[in-house]
Amino acid sequence: MTRLVSGLELTSDYVDKIVSYFVLAIMVGLVTTTTLQVVCREFFAALSWTEELSRYFLVWGTFFAATLAYKRGSHISIQFIVDKLPRGIKLSVIILTHVLAIFFFVSVAYYALKMMKMQVSQISPALFLPMRYVYGCIPVSMLIMMIHALSEVLTEVTRTSTPVRTEKEIEV
């Protein structure tokens, strides 16, 4: 079980690192495209594709940045209530929260895949990009968050199943 947990933690950390570079590239693309749009609109002819590309960069950046926030526990939460709970209940609440999140991620990914199947023939007006590529960020980001959540659940379960030893027991 320990090898599974450490392997999943490594996978979660590795995916998180890749996604952080990907989000950085998306944000650079967003800033570049938006700047190009403003400059061209002000001094030259407006480019028809920059607004659409900026929108898609923003959508992809939002979903993938959400995976980074989930991994780091940066989403909005009411932590002070959980902190006041006894240790056993607190760990149970943390595990339950991640399990419910996994169900949510699975549900969102399922419906996103259904939506992508309905949009097979739709293309974007300016870039002529198949919309399934735009919507593809949803199931991919949900899968990444499932990996992070499963890693957290298994880490907490192994932490609770490992008996906490006192200093007196360690000395013996």
N, C-alpha and C. Protein backbone atom coordinates (compact mmCIF):
# COMPACT_ATOMS: atom_id res chain seq x y z
N MET A 1 0.82 -1.19 0.00
CA MET A 1 0.00 0.00 0.00
C MET A 1 0.86 1.26 0.00
N THR A 2 1.97 1.21 0.73
CA THR A 2 2.85 2.37 0.82
C THR A 2 3.45 2.71 -0.54
N ARG A 3 3.82 1.68 -1.32
CA ARG A 3 4.39 1.93 -2.66
C ARG A 3 3.35 2.56 -3.57
N LEU A 4 2.10 2.11 -3.46
CA LEU A 4 1.02 2.69 -4.26
C LEU A 4 0.82 4.16 -3.92
N VAL A 5 0.79 4.45 -2.63
CA VAL A 5 0.59 5.83 -2.18
C VAL A 5 1.75 6.72 -2.62
N SER A 6 2.98 6.24 -2.42
CA SER A 6 4.13 7.07 -2.82
C SER A 6 4.19 7.22 -4.33
N GLY A 7 3.81 6.17 -5.08
CA GLY A 7 3.78 6.28 -6.54
C GLY A 7 2.73 7.27 -7.01
N LEU A 8 1.57 7.25 -6.36
CA LEU A 8 0.51 8.19 -6.73
C LEU A 8 0.88 9.62 -6.34
N GLU A 9 1.55 9.77 -5.19
CA GLU A 9 2.02 11.10 -4.80
C GLU A 9 3.04 11.64 -5.80
N LEU A 10 3.97 10.79 -6.23
CA LEU A 10 4.96 11.21 -7.23
C LEU A 10 4.28 11.58 -8.55
N THR A 11 3.29 10.78 -8.96
CA THR A 11 2.55 11.08 -10.18
C THR A 11 1.83 12.42 -10.05
N SER A 12 1.18 12.62 -8.91
CA SER A 12 0.47 13.87 -8.67
C SER A 12 1.44 15.06 -8.71
N ASP A 13 2.59 14.92 -8.07
CA ASP A 13 3.58 16.00 -8.07
C ASP A 13 4.13 16.26 -9.47
N TYR A 14 4.39 15.20 -10.21
CA TYR A 14 4.93 15.33 -11.57
C TYR A 14 3.92 16.00 -12.49
N VAL A 15 2.68 15.56 -12.43
CA VAL A 15 1.63 16.17 -13.26
C VAL A 15 1.45 17.63 -12.88
N ASP A 16 1.51 17.92 -11.59
CA ASP A 16 1.38 19.31 -11.12
C ASP A 16 2.49 20.18 -11.69
N LYS A 17 3.69 19.66 -11.72
CA LYS A 17 4.83 20.43 -12.26
C LYS A 17 4.64 20.70 -13.75
N ILE A 18 4.22 19.68 -14.49
CA ILE A 18 3.97 19.86 -15.92
C ILE A 18 2.87 20.89 -16.16
N VAL A 19 1.79 20.77 -15.39
CA VAL A 19 0.66 21.69 -15.55
C VAL A 19 1.08 23.12 -15.20
N SER A 20 1.94 23.28 -14.21
CA SER A 20 2.38 24.65 -13.86
C SER A 20 3.13 25.30 -15.01
N TYR A 21 3.97 24.55 -15.72
CA TYR A 21 4.64 25.10 -16.89
C TYR A 21 3.64 25.35 -18.02
N PHE A 22 2.67 24.47 -18.17
CA PHE A 22 1.65 24.63 -19.19
C PHE A 22 0.81 25.88 -18.94
N VAL A 23 0.43 26.11 -17.68
CA VAL A 23 -0.34 27.31 -17.33
C VAL A 23 0.50 28.56 -17.56
N LEU A 24 1.78 28.49 -17.25
CA LEU A 24 2.66 29.63 -17.53
C LEU A 24 2.68 29.93 -19.02
N ALA A 25 2.81 28.90 -19.86
CA ALA A 25 2.81 29.10 -21.31
C ALA A 25 1.47 29.68 -21.79
N ILE A 26 0.38 29.20 -21.22
CA ILE A 26 -0.94 29.72 -21.58
C ILE A 26 -1.06 31.20 -21.20
N MET A 27 -0.58 31.55 -20.01
CA MET A 27 -0.67 32.95 -19.59
C MET A 27 0.22 33.86 -20.45
N VAL A 28 1.38 33.35 -20.84
CA VAL A 28 2.24 34.13 -21.75
C VAL A 28 1.52 34.30 -23.10
N GLY A 29 0.90 33.23 -23.57
CA GLY A 29 0.13 33.32 -24.82
C GLY A 29 -1.03 34.28 -24.70
N LEU A 30 -1.72 34.27 -23.56
CA LEU A 30 -2.84 35.18 -23.34
C LEU A 30 -2.39 36.63 -23.34
N VAL A 31 -1.34 36.92 -22.61
CA VAL A 31 -0.82 38.29 -22.55
C VAL A 31 -0.33 38.74 -23.93
N THR A 32 0.39 37.86 -24.62
CA THR A 32 0.91 38.21 -25.95
C THR A 32 -0.23 38.46 -26.93
N THR A 33 -1.21 37.58 -26.94
CA THR A 33 -2.32 37.71 -27.88
C THR A 33 -3.14 38.97 -27.58
N THR A 34 -3.39 39.23 -26.31
CA THR A 34 -4.16 40.42 -25.95
C THR A 34 -3.40 41.69 -26.28
N THR A 35 -2.10 41.70 -26.02
CA THR A 35 -1.28 42.86 -26.37
C THR A 35 -1.27 43.08 -27.87
N LEU A 36 -1.10 42.01 -28.62
CA LEU A 36 -1.14 42.10 -30.08
C LEU A 36 -2.48 42.65 -30.56
N GLN A 37 -3.55 42.21 -29.94
CA GLN A 37 -4.88 42.68 -30.30
C GLN A 37 -5.02 44.18 -30.06
N VAL A 38 -4.56 44.65 -28.91
CA VAL A 38 -4.66 46.08 -28.59
C VAL A 38 -3.80 46.91 -29.53
N VAL A 39 -2.56 46.50 -29.77
CA VAL A 39 -1.66 47.25 -30.64
C VAL A 39 -2.20 47.29 -32.06
N CYS A 40 -2.63 46.16 -32.56
CA CYS A 40 -3.14 46.13 -33.94
C CYS A 40 -4.43 46.93 -34.08
N ARG A 41 -5.28 46.89 -33.08
CA ARG A 41 -6.52 47.64 -33.16
C ARG A 41 -6.26 49.14 -33.09
N GLU A 42 -5.25 49.54 -32.32
CA GLU A 42 -4.96 50.96 -32.15
C GLU A 42 -4.18 51.55 -33.33
N PHE A 43 -3.21 50.81 -33.84
CA PHE A 43 -2.32 51.38 -34.85
C PHE A 43 -2.50 50.80 -36.25
N PHE A 44 -3.07 49.63 -36.35
CA PHE A 44 -3.23 48.97 -37.65
C PHE A 44 -4.67 48.49 -37.79
N ALA A 45 -4.88 47.50 -38.60
CA ALA A 45 -6.20 46.90 -38.73
C ALA A 45 -6.38 45.84 -37.65
N ALA A 46 -7.59 45.75 -37.14
CA ALA A 46 -7.87 44.77 -36.08
C ALA A 46 -7.75 43.35 -36.64
N LEU A 47 -7.17 42.48 -35.83
CA LEU A 47 -7.06 41.07 -36.21
C LEU A 47 -8.29 40.33 -35.70
N SER A 48 -8.90 39.57 -36.57
CA SER A 48 -10.17 38.92 -36.19
C SER A 48 -9.98 37.73 -35.27
N TRP A 49 -8.83 37.11 -35.27
CA TRP A 49 -8.63 35.87 -34.53
C TRP A 49 -8.09 36.05 -33.12
N THR A 50 -7.56 37.23 -32.80
CA THR A 50 -6.90 37.41 -31.50
C THR A 50 -7.89 37.37 -30.33
N GLU A 51 -9.08 37.92 -30.52
CA GLU A 51 -10.05 37.90 -29.44
C GLU A 51 -10.49 36.47 -29.12
N GLU A 52 -10.72 35.69 -30.16
CA GLU A 52 -11.13 34.30 -29.96
C GLU A 52 -10.02 33.48 -29.31
N LEU A 53 -8.79 33.65 -29.78
CA LEU A 53 -7.68 32.91 -29.21
C LEU A 53 -7.46 33.30 -27.74
N SER A 54 -7.59 34.59 -27.45
CA SER A 54 -7.46 35.04 -26.05
C SER A 54 -8.52 34.39 -25.17
N ARG A 55 -9.72 34.29 -25.67
CA ARG A 55 -10.81 33.66 -24.91
C ARG A 55 -10.48 32.19 -24.63
N TYR A 56 -9.97 31.48 -25.63
CA TYR A 56 -9.64 30.06 -25.45
C TYR A 56 -8.46 29.89 -24.51
N PHE A 57 -7.47 30.78 -24.61
CA PHE A 57 -6.36 30.75 -23.65
C PHE A 57 -6.90 30.95 -22.22
N LEU A 58 -7.85 31.87 -22.06
CA LEU A 58 -8.40 32.13 -20.74
C LEU A 58 -9.16 30.92 -20.20
N VAL A 59 -9.93 30.26 -21.06
CA VAL A 59 -10.68 29.07 -20.64
C VAL A 59 -9.71 27.97 -20.23
N TRP A 60 -8.74 27.67 -21.07
CA TRP A 60 -7.77 26.62 -20.75
C TRP A 60 -6.96 26.98 -19.51
N GLY A 61 -6.54 28.23 -19.42
CA GLY A 61 -5.78 28.67 -18.26
C GLY A 61 -6.57 28.54 -16.97
N THR A 62 -7.85 28.86 -17.02
CA THR A 62 -8.70 28.77 -15.84
C THR A 62 -8.83 27.33 -15.35
N PHE A 63 -9.13 26.42 -16.27
CA PHE A 63 -9.32 25.02 -15.86
C PHE A 63 -8.02 24.38 -15.36
N PHE A 64 -6.91 24.67 -16.03
CA PHE A 64 -5.66 24.06 -15.59
C PHE A 64 -5.09 24.73 -14.35
N ALA A 65 -5.33 26.03 -14.19
CA ALA A 65 -4.92 26.70 -12.94
C ALA A 65 -5.74 26.18 -11.77
N ALA A 66 -6.98 25.77 -12.04
CA ALA A 66 -7.80 25.17 -10.97
C ALA A 66 -7.17 23.89 -10.46
N THR A 67 -6.51 23.13 -11.32
CA THR A 67 -5.83 21.91 -10.86
C THR A 67 -4.67 22.26 -9.94
N LEU A 68 -3.98 23.35 -10.26
CA LEU A 68 -2.87 23.78 -9.40
C LEU A 68 -3.40 24.22 -8.04
N ALA A 69 -4.51 24.96 -8.05
CA ALA A 69 -5.10 25.41 -6.79
C ALA A 69 -5.60 24.23 -5.96
N TYR A 70 -6.19 23.24 -6.61
CA TYR A 70 -6.68 22.07 -5.88
C TYR A 70 -5.52 21.32 -5.23
N LYS A 71 -4.46 21.14 -5.97
CA LYS A 71 -3.28 20.42 -5.44
C LYS A 71 -2.72 21.13 -4.21
N ARG A 72 -2.75 22.45 -4.22
CA ARG A 72 -2.17 23.23 -3.13
C ARG A 72 -3.17 23.55 -2.02
N GLY A 73 -4.42 23.14 -2.20
CA GLY A 73 -5.45 23.44 -1.20
C GLY A 73 -5.79 24.91 -1.16
N SER A 74 -5.72 25.59 -2.30
CA SER A 74 -5.91 27.03 -2.35
C SER A 74 -7.33 27.47 -2.68
N HIS A 75 -8.24 26.53 -2.91
CA HIS A 75 -9.62 26.91 -3.18
C HIS A 75 -10.26 27.43 -1.89
N ILE A 76 -11.30 28.19 -2.06
CA ILE A 76 -12.00 28.76 -0.91
C ILE A 76 -12.56 27.62 -0.05
N SER A 77 -12.33 27.73 1.25
CA SER A 77 -12.86 26.72 2.17
C SER A 77 -13.09 27.36 3.52
N ILE A 78 -13.87 26.67 4.34
CA ILE A 78 -14.13 27.14 5.70
C ILE A 78 -13.26 26.28 6.62
N GLN A 79 -11.99 26.61 6.66
CA GLN A 79 -11.00 25.80 7.35
C GLN A 79 -11.09 25.92 8.87
N PHE A 80 -11.53 27.05 9.38
CA PHE A 80 -11.52 27.23 10.83
C PHE A 80 -12.47 26.26 11.53
N ILE A 81 -13.53 25.83 10.85
CA ILE A 81 -14.45 24.85 11.44
C ILE A 81 -13.76 23.49 11.53
N VAL A 82 -13.11 23.09 10.44
CA VAL A 82 -12.42 21.79 10.41
C VAL A 82 -11.28 21.77 11.42
N ASP A 83 -10.58 22.88 11.56
CA ASP A 83 -9.46 22.95 12.50
C ASP A 83 -9.89 22.75 13.95
N LYS A 84 -11.13 23.10 14.28
CA LYS A 84 -11.61 22.97 15.66
C LYS A 84 -12.10 21.56 15.99
N LEU A 85 -12.20 20.69 14.99
CA LEU A 85 -12.68 19.32 15.21
C LEU A 85 -11.58 18.47 15.85
N PRO A 86 -11.98 17.42 16.59
CA PRO A 86 -10.99 16.48 17.11
C PRO A 86 -10.25 15.79 15.95
N ARG A 87 -9.05 15.31 16.21
CA ARG A 87 -8.17 14.76 15.18
C ARG A 87 -8.84 13.70 14.31
N GLY A 88 -9.50 12.72 14.91
CA GLY A 88 -10.13 11.64 14.17
C GLY A 88 -11.25 12.12 13.26
N ILE A 89 -12.09 13.00 13.79
CA ILE A 89 -13.19 13.55 12.99
C ILE A 89 -12.64 14.45 11.90
N LYS A 90 -11.61 15.21 12.24
CA LYS A 90 -11.00 16.11 11.26
C LYS A 90 -10.47 15.32 10.05
N LEU A 91 -9.75 14.23 10.30
CA LEU A 91 -9.24 13.40 9.21
C LEU A 91 -10.37 12.77 8.40
N SER A 92 -11.44 12.37 9.08
CA SER A 92 -12.60 11.81 8.38
C SER A 92 -13.25 12.85 7.48
N VAL A 93 -13.35 14.08 7.96
CA VAL A 93 -13.93 15.15 7.15
C VAL A 93 -13.05 15.45 5.94
N ILE A 94 -11.75 15.47 6.13
CA ILE A 94 -10.82 15.72 5.03
C ILE A 94 -10.95 14.62 3.97
N ILE A 95 -10.98 13.37 4.41
CA ILE A 95 -11.12 12.25 3.48
C ILE A 95 -12.46 12.32 2.75
N LEU A 96 -13.53 12.57 3.49
CA LEU A 96 -14.86 12.68 2.89
C LEU A 96 -14.91 13.81 1.86
N THR A 97 -14.28 14.92 2.17
CA THR A 97 -14.25 16.05 1.24
C THR A 97 -13.58 15.67 -0.07
N HIS A 98 -12.47 14.98 0.01
CA HIS A 98 -11.77 14.57 -1.21
C HIS A 98 -12.55 13.50 -1.98
N VAL A 99 -13.21 12.59 -1.27
CA VAL A 99 -14.01 11.56 -1.95
C VAL A 99 -15.18 12.21 -2.68
N LEU A 100 -15.85 13.16 -2.02
CA LEU A 100 -16.95 13.88 -2.69
C LEU A 100 -16.43 14.68 -3.89
N ALA A 101 -15.24 15.24 -3.75
CA ALA A 101 -14.64 15.96 -4.87
C ALA A 101 -14.38 15.02 -6.04
N ILE A 102 -13.93 13.81 -5.76
CA ILE A 102 -13.69 12.83 -6.83
C ILE A 102 -15.00 12.54 -7.57
N PHE A 103 -16.09 12.34 -6.83
CA PHE A 103 -17.39 12.12 -7.48
C PHE A 103 -17.78 13.32 -8.35
N PHE A 104 -17.53 14.51 -7.85
CA PHE A 104 -17.83 15.72 -8.62
C PHE A 104 -16.98 15.76 -9.89
N PHE A 105 -15.69 15.48 -9.78
CA PHE A 105 -14.80 15.51 -10.94
C PHE A 105 -15.21 14.48 -11.98
N VAL A 106 -15.58 13.29 -11.53
CA VAL A 106 -16.04 12.24 -12.45
C VAL A 106 -17.30 12.70 -13.18
N SER A 107 -18.22 13.29 -12.44
CA SER A 107 -19.47 13.76 -13.02
C SER A 107 -19.23 14.86 -14.06
N VAL A 108 -18.42 15.82 -13.72
CA VAL A 108 -18.12 16.91 -14.66
C VAL A 108 -17.41 16.37 -15.90
N ALA A 109 -16.46 15.48 -15.72
CA ALA A 109 -15.74 14.90 -16.86
C ALA A 109 -16.69 14.11 -17.76
N TYR A 110 -17.61 13.36 -17.15
CA TYR A 110 -18.58 12.57 -17.93
C TYR A 110 -19.44 13.48 -18.80
N TYR A 111 -19.99 14.54 -18.22
CA TYR A 111 -20.85 15.43 -18.99
C TYR A 111 -20.05 16.28 -19.98
N ALA A 112 -18.82 16.57 -19.66
CA ALA A 112 -17.97 17.30 -20.62
C ALA A 112 -17.70 16.43 -21.85
N LEU A 113 -17.46 15.13 -21.62
CA LEU A 113 -17.26 14.22 -22.76
C LEU A 113 -18.53 14.10 -23.59
N LYS A 114 -19.69 14.06 -22.93
CA LYS A 114 -20.95 14.03 -23.66
C LYS A 114 -21.12 15.30 -24.50
N MET A 115 -20.78 16.45 -23.91
CA MET A 115 -20.88 17.71 -24.62
C MET A 115 -19.93 17.74 -25.82
N MET A 116 -18.73 17.20 -25.62
CA MET A 116 -17.76 17.16 -26.72
C MET A 116 -18.27 16.32 -27.88
N LYS A 117 -18.95 15.22 -27.56
CA LYS A 117 -19.51 14.38 -28.62
C LYS A 117 -20.60 15.10 -29.39
N MET A 118 -21.36 15.95 -28.71
CA MET A 118 -22.41 16.72 -29.38
C MET A 118 -21.82 17.83 -30.27
N GLN A 119 -20.62 18.28 -29.94
CA GLN A 119 -20.00 19.39 -30.66
C GLN A 119 -18.98 18.93 -31.71
N VAL A 120 -19.09 17.69 -32.15
CA VAL A 120 -18.09 17.12 -33.06
C VAL A 120 -17.93 17.94 -34.33
N SER A 121 -19.02 18.44 -34.89
CA SER A 121 -18.93 19.15 -36.18
C SER A 121 -18.80 20.66 -36.04
N GLN A 122 -18.90 21.19 -34.83
CA GLN A 122 -18.84 22.64 -34.65
C GLN A 122 -17.40 23.12 -34.69
N ILE A 123 -17.18 24.22 -35.42
CA ILE A 123 -15.85 24.83 -35.47
C ILE A 123 -15.95 26.28 -35.03
N SER A 124 -14.87 26.81 -34.54
CA SER A 124 -14.86 28.20 -34.09
C SER A 124 -14.89 29.13 -35.30
N PRO A 125 -15.53 30.29 -35.18
CA PRO A 125 -15.72 31.16 -36.34
C PRO A 125 -14.45 31.81 -36.89
N ALA A 126 -13.53 32.22 -36.05
CA ALA A 126 -12.35 32.94 -36.54
C ALA A 126 -11.15 32.04 -36.79
N LEU A 127 -10.93 31.07 -35.91
CA LEU A 127 -9.75 30.21 -36.03
C LEU A 127 -10.03 28.92 -36.80
N PHE A 128 -11.30 28.62 -37.03
CA PHE A 128 -11.71 27.38 -37.69
C PHE A 128 -11.16 26.16 -36.94
N LEU A 129 -11.18 26.28 -35.62
CA LEU A 129 -10.68 25.23 -34.74
C LEU A 129 -11.86 24.37 -34.30
N PRO A 130 -11.75 23.04 -34.38
CA PRO A 130 -12.84 22.20 -33.87
C PRO A 130 -13.07 22.49 -32.38
N MET A 131 -14.32 22.71 -32.01
CA MET A 131 -14.64 23.09 -30.64
C MET A 131 -14.35 21.98 -29.63
N ARG A 132 -14.23 20.76 -30.10
CA ARG A 132 -13.91 19.67 -29.15
C ARG A 132 -12.53 19.90 -28.53
N TYR A 133 -11.63 20.60 -29.26
CA TYR A 133 -10.33 20.90 -28.68
C TYR A 133 -10.45 21.97 -27.59
N VAL A 134 -11.35 22.89 -27.79
CA VAL A 134 -11.57 23.92 -26.78
C VAL A 134 -12.18 23.29 -25.53
N TYR A 135 -13.20 22.46 -25.72
CA TYR A 135 -13.86 21.81 -24.59
C TYR A 135 -13.02 20.69 -23.99
N GLY A 136 -12.00 20.26 -24.67
CA GLY A 136 -11.16 19.17 -24.19
C GLY A 136 -10.46 19.47 -22.88
N CYS A 137 -10.29 20.74 -22.56
CA CYS A 137 -9.63 21.09 -21.31
C CYS A 137 -10.44 20.66 -20.09
N ILE A 138 -11.74 20.52 -20.25
CA ILE A 138 -12.59 20.19 -19.10
C ILE A 138 -12.33 18.76 -18.61
N PRO A 139 -12.50 17.74 -19.45
CA PRO A 139 -12.24 16.39 -18.92
C PRO A 139 -10.78 16.16 -18.53
N VAL A 140 -9.86 16.79 -19.25
CA VAL A 140 -8.44 16.61 -18.91
C VAL A 140 -8.14 17.22 -17.54
N SER A 141 -8.64 18.41 -17.30
CA SER A 141 -8.40 19.04 -15.99
C SER A 141 -9.10 18.29 -14.87
N MET A 142 -10.28 17.72 -15.15
CA MET A 142 -10.97 16.93 -14.13
C MET A 142 -10.19 15.65 -13.81
N LEU A 143 -9.60 15.04 -14.83
CA LEU A 143 -8.77 13.86 -14.61
C LEU A 143 -7.57 14.20 -13.73
N ILE A 144 -6.95 15.32 -13.99
CA ILE A 144 -5.80 15.75 -13.19
C ILE A 144 -6.22 15.98 -11.73
N MET A 145 -7.37 16.63 -11.54
CA MET A 145 -7.84 16.85 -10.17
C MET A 145 -8.22 15.54 -9.48
N MET A 146 -8.72 14.56 -10.27
CA MET A 146 -8.99 13.24 -9.69
C MET A 146 -7.70 12.59 -9.19
N ILE A 147 -6.63 12.73 -9.95
CA ILE A 147 -5.33 12.18 -9.53
C ILE A 147 -4.89 12.84 -8.22
N HIS A 148 -5.00 14.16 -8.15
CA HIS A 148 -4.62 14.87 -6.93
C HIS A 148 -5.49 14.45 -5.75
N ALA A 149 -6.80 14.33 -5.98
CA ALA A 149 -7.72 13.97 -4.89
C ALA A 149 -7.47 12.55 -4.41
N LEU A 150 -7.27 11.64 -5.35
CA LEU A 150 -7.01 10.25 -4.97
C LEU A 150 -5.70 10.14 -4.19
N SER A 151 -4.71 10.90 -4.60
CA SER A 151 -3.44 10.93 -3.87
C SER A 151 -3.66 11.42 -2.45
N GLU A 152 -4.44 12.46 -2.29
CA GLU A 152 -4.72 13.00 -0.95
C GLU A 152 -5.50 12.00 -0.10
N VAL A 153 -6.50 11.34 -0.69
CA VAL A 153 -7.28 10.36 0.06
C VAL A 153 -6.39 9.22 0.55
N LEU A 154 -5.59 8.67 -0.35
CA LEU A 154 -4.72 7.55 0.05
C LEU A 154 -3.67 7.98 1.06
N THR A 155 -3.16 9.19 0.93
CA THR A 155 -2.20 9.70 1.90
C THR A 155 -2.84 9.83 3.28
N GLU A 156 -4.05 10.38 3.33
CA GLU A 156 -4.75 10.53 4.62
C GLU A 156 -5.13 9.17 5.21
N VAL A 157 -5.56 8.23 4.36
CA VAL A 157 -5.94 6.90 4.86
C VAL A 157 -4.73 6.19 5.44
N THR A 158 -3.59 6.24 4.74
CA THR A 158 -2.40 5.59 5.28
C THR A 158 -1.90 6.30 6.53
N ARG A 159 -2.10 7.60 6.58
CA ARG A 159 -1.69 8.34 7.77
C ARG A 159 -2.55 7.94 8.97
N THR A 160 -3.85 7.75 8.74
CA THR A 160 -4.73 7.37 9.85
C THR A 160 -4.56 5.91 10.24
N SER A 161 -4.16 5.05 9.28
CA SER A 161 -3.99 3.64 9.61
C SER A 161 -2.66 3.35 10.28
N THR A 162 -1.70 4.28 10.14
CA THR A 162 -0.41 4.13 10.80
C THR A 162 -0.56 4.62 12.23
N PRO A 163 -0.30 3.76 13.20
CA PRO A 163 -0.49 4.19 14.60
C PRO A 163 0.51 5.29 14.96
N VAL A 164 0.01 6.26 15.70
CA VAL A 164 0.87 7.34 16.17
C VAL A 164 1.56 6.85 17.43
N ARG A 165 2.89 6.87 17.41
CA ARG A 165 3.66 6.38 18.55
C ARG A 165 4.07 7.55 19.43
N THR A 166 4.02 7.32 20.70
CA THR A 166 4.43 8.36 21.64
C THR A 166 5.94 8.31 21.80
N GLU A 167 6.50 9.35 22.43
CA GLU A 167 7.95 9.41 22.63
C GLU A 167 8.41 8.26 23.52
N LYS A 168 7.57 7.87 24.49
CA LYS A 168 7.92 6.79 25.40
C LYS A 168 8.04 5.46 24.63
N GLU A 169 7.14 5.21 23.67
CA GLU A 169 7.19 3.99 22.87
C GLU A 169 8.40 3.97 21.94
N ILE A 170 8.80 5.13 21.45
CA ILE A 170 9.95 5.22 20.55
C ILE A 170 11.24 4.91 21.29
N GLU A 171 11.36 5.36 22.56
CA GLU A 171 12.57 5.13 23.35
C GLU A 171 12.78 3.66 23.66
N VAL A 172 11.71 2.89 23.80
CA VAL A 172 11.81 1.47 24.17
C VAL A 172 12.28 0.65 23.06
